[in-house]
Amino acid sequence: KAVMLAMRRTPEVNAWFDAEAQEVAFRHYVNLGIAAATPRGLVVPNVKDADAMSLPELAAALGDLVSTARAGRTQPADMAGGTFTITNVGVFGVDAGTPIINPGESAILCFGSITRKPWVVVEDGEERIVPRHVTTLALSFDHRHVDGEKGSRFLADVAAILEDPASALLF
């Protein structure tokens, strides 16, 4: 959900480059792909119109996609038409990765493992170190229409929403 909220400020990450027309085409929907490791290899089914779903609806849809993929029952239609993908290398104990963008998409977000680390927190003007759950986010994007500033803004927005879910009200 954080990804789709951040897309509101940086819609380029959900666009695509139309090579024939030599222009960027913006989408007004999100088909959210989730990379899933299966006994047969990696598959990326997607939730159609994920941006129109509530958080509980999205969680249920993602759970269904992943369980179907792991059971080896993903249909080709479930893997077609993705507009943005999330991959999670953290499940393998990896802190970060550099994912490759899926054809027809403009970006892919990679989550690293979530670990407890000492973190500097400022409260009431005072710095202190507290243990926090921390992850690394990595974004690969198509530089034909997502430049470093836009990619960085999108990534910062996703991180801000994950760190403080109440900030989602600002998007």
Protein backbone atom coordinates (compact mmCIF):
# COMPACT_ATOMS: atom_id res chain seq x y z
CA LYS A 1 0.00 0.00 0.00
CA ALA A 2 2.93 2.32 0.75
CA VAL A 3 4.20 1.83 -2.80
CA MET A 4 0.90 2.86 -4.34
CA LEU A 5 0.58 5.88 -2.08
CA ALA A 6 4.09 7.01 -3.03
CA MET A 7 3.18 6.61 -6.71
CA ARG A 8 0.72 9.45 -6.34
CA ARG A 9 3.68 11.84 -6.05
CA THR A 10 5.87 9.99 -8.55
CA PRO A 11 3.58 8.44 -11.18
CA GLU A 12 6.54 7.86 -13.52
CA VAL A 13 7.45 4.67 -11.62
CA ASN A 14 4.16 3.17 -12.83
CA ALA A 15 4.42 4.45 -16.40
CA TRP A 16 5.96 2.73 -19.41
CA PHE A 17 8.02 3.82 -22.38
CA ASP A 18 6.19 3.35 -25.67
CA ALA A 19 9.14 2.78 -28.01
CA GLU A 20 7.04 2.95 -31.16
CA ALA A 21 5.58 6.35 -30.26
CA GLN A 22 8.82 7.41 -28.52
CA GLU A 23 6.90 8.71 -25.51
CA VAL A 24 6.11 7.93 -21.91
CA ALA A 25 2.61 6.60 -21.31
CA PHE A 26 1.10 7.00 -17.85
CA ARG A 27 -1.16 4.37 -16.34
CA HIS A 28 -4.12 5.17 -14.13
CA TYR A 29 -4.10 1.80 -12.36
CA VAL A 30 -1.54 -0.42 -10.63
CA ASN A 31 -1.17 -4.13 -11.32
CA LEU A 32 1.18 -4.94 -8.46
CA GLY A 33 3.55 -7.82 -9.15
CA ILE A 34 4.97 -9.88 -6.31
CA ALA A 35 8.00 -12.02 -7.02
CA ALA A 36 7.48 -15.48 -5.54
CA ALA A 37 10.07 -18.25 -5.28
CA THR A 38 8.50 -21.59 -6.17
CA PRO A 39 9.87 -25.11 -6.63
CA ARG A 40 9.74 -24.44 -10.39
CA GLY A 41 11.57 -21.11 -10.16
CA LEU A 42 10.66 -17.47 -9.74
CA VAL A 43 7.23 -16.29 -10.89
CA VAL A 44 5.74 -12.81 -10.71
CA PRO A 45 1.95 -12.90 -10.52
CA ASN A 46 0.23 -9.56 -10.06
CA VAL A 47 -2.79 -8.17 -8.27
CA LYS A 48 -4.93 -6.38 -10.83
CA ASP A 49 -6.05 -2.86 -9.83
CA ALA A 50 -4.21 -3.13 -6.52
CA ASP A 51 -4.39 0.64 -6.04
CA ALA A 52 -8.18 0.43 -5.69
CA MET A 53 -7.97 -2.06 -2.81
CA SER A 54 -8.04 -1.39 0.91
CA LEU A 55 -5.09 -2.63 2.95
CA PRO A 56 -6.95 -5.77 4.17
CA GLU A 57 -8.14 -6.53 0.62
CA LEU A 58 -4.62 -6.11 -0.74
CA ALA A 59 -3.12 -8.32 1.97
CA ALA A 60 -5.65 -11.06 1.22
CA ALA A 61 -5.07 -10.81 -2.55
CA LEU A 62 -1.29 -10.98 -2.10
CA GLY A 63 -1.61 -13.95 0.24
CA ASP A 64 -3.77 -15.76 -2.32
CA LEU A 65 -1.32 -15.02 -5.15
CA VAL A 66 1.68 -16.26 -3.23
CA SER A 67 -0.01 -19.45 -2.01
CA THR A 68 -1.25 -20.20 -5.54
CA ALA A 69 2.27 -19.60 -6.91
CA ARG A 70 3.90 -21.84 -4.32
CA ALA A 71 1.38 -24.57 -5.13
CA GLY A 72 2.44 -24.31 -8.80
CA ARG A 73 -1.02 -23.24 -9.97
CA THR A 74 -0.31 -19.71 -11.24
CA GLN A 75 -2.06 -19.10 -14.54
CA PRO A 76 -0.40 -17.09 -17.37
CA ALA A 77 -3.12 -14.41 -17.08
CA ASP A 78 -2.09 -13.87 -13.45
CA MET A 79 1.44 -13.00 -14.60
CA ALA A 80 0.44 -10.75 -17.53
CA GLY A 81 -0.06 -7.01 -17.39
CA GLY A 82 2.07 -6.13 -14.37
CA THR A 83 2.88 -2.44 -13.98
CA PHE A 84 5.20 -2.44 -10.92
CA THR A 85 6.88 -5.26 -9.00
CA ILE A 86 8.02 -5.82 -5.44
CA THR A 87 10.63 -8.45 -4.68
CA ASN A 88 11.88 -9.56 -1.29
CA VAL A 89 15.41 -10.89 -1.08
CA GLY A 90 15.22 -10.54 2.69
CA VAL A 91 13.48 -13.90 3.01
CA PHE A 92 16.82 -15.42 2.01
CA GLY A 93 18.73 -13.46 4.67
CA VAL A 94 20.07 -10.95 2.15
CA ASP A 95 20.27 -7.26 3.07
CA ALA A 96 19.91 -5.82 -0.44
CA GLY A 97 19.71 -6.68 -4.09
CA THR A 98 19.64 -5.07 -7.52
CA PRO A 99 16.57 -6.44 -9.25
CA ILE A 100 16.02 -6.32 -13.00
CA ILE A 101 12.95 -4.47 -14.24
CA ASN A 102 10.29 -6.71 -15.72
CA PRO A 103 9.42 -6.05 -19.40
CA GLY A 104 6.73 -3.39 -19.80
CA GLU A 105 7.36 -1.94 -16.35
CA SER A 106 9.36 1.10 -15.26
CA ALA A 107 10.57 0.06 -11.83
CA ILE A 108 10.96 -2.72 -9.30
CA LEU A 109 11.37 -2.36 -5.54
CA CYS A 110 13.54 -4.76 -3.55
CA PHE A 111 13.16 -5.33 0.20
CA GLY A 112 16.12 -6.65 2.17
CA SER A 113 16.02 -8.63 5.40
CA ILE A 114 14.55 -6.97 8.46
CA THR A 115 17.03 -6.97 11.32
CA ARG A 116 17.32 -5.27 14.69
CA LYS A 117 20.05 -2.64 14.70
CA PRO A 118 21.09 0.21 16.94
CA TRP A 119 19.46 3.37 15.60
CA VAL A 120 19.91 7.01 16.55
CA VAL A 121 16.57 8.58 17.46
CA VAL A 122 15.98 12.25 18.24
CA GLU A 123 13.18 12.91 20.73
CA ASP A 124 12.62 16.26 22.39
CA GLY A 125 15.90 17.48 20.93
CA GLU A 126 17.85 14.66 22.56
CA GLU A 127 19.69 11.94 20.68
CA ARG A 128 19.66 8.40 21.95
CA ILE A 129 20.37 4.99 20.55
CA VAL A 130 17.53 2.49 20.51
CA PRO A 131 17.13 -0.94 18.90
CA ARG A 132 14.99 -0.71 15.77
CA HIS A 133 13.83 -3.09 13.08
CA VAL A 134 15.58 -1.89 9.91
CA THR A 135 15.46 -2.96 6.27
CA THR A 136 17.19 -1.84 3.11
CA LEU A 137 15.09 -0.76 0.14
CA ALA A 138 16.54 -0.76 -3.37
CA LEU A 139 14.82 0.59 -6.47
CA SER A 140 15.75 -0.22 -10.06
CA PHE A 141 14.12 2.08 -12.58
CA ASP A 142 14.04 2.95 -16.27
CA HIS A 143 16.13 6.09 -16.75
CA ARG A 144 14.30 6.98 -19.96
CA HIS A 145 11.64 8.61 -17.80
CA VAL A 146 12.48 8.05 -14.14
CA ASP A 147 15.53 10.11 -13.25
CA GLY A 148 17.51 9.89 -10.03
CA GLU A 149 15.54 12.65 -8.34
CA LYS A 150 12.18 11.00 -9.06
CA GLY A 151 13.43 7.55 -8.12
CA SER A 152 14.92 8.89 -4.89
CA ARG A 153 11.75 10.81 -4.01
CA PHE A 154 9.64 7.70 -4.56
CA LEU A 155 11.97 5.57 -2.44
CA ALA A 156 12.05 8.20 0.33
CA ASP A 157 8.24 8.37 0.32
CA VAL A 158 7.91 4.58 0.60
CA ALA A 159 10.42 4.55 3.46
CA ALA A 160 8.63 7.41 5.25
CA ILE A 161 5.27 5.62 5.07
CA LEU A 162 6.78 2.36 6.32
CA GLU A 163 8.57 4.13 9.17
CA ASP A 164 5.50 6.14 10.19
CA PRO A 165 2.27 4.66 8.79
CA ALA A 166 0.29 7.68 9.98
CA SER A 167 2.21 9.75 7.41
CA ALA A 168 0.20 7.89 4.74
CA LEU A 169 -2.55 10.41 5.44
CA LEU A 170 -0.33 13.05 3.77
CA PHE A 171 -0.24 11.27 0.43
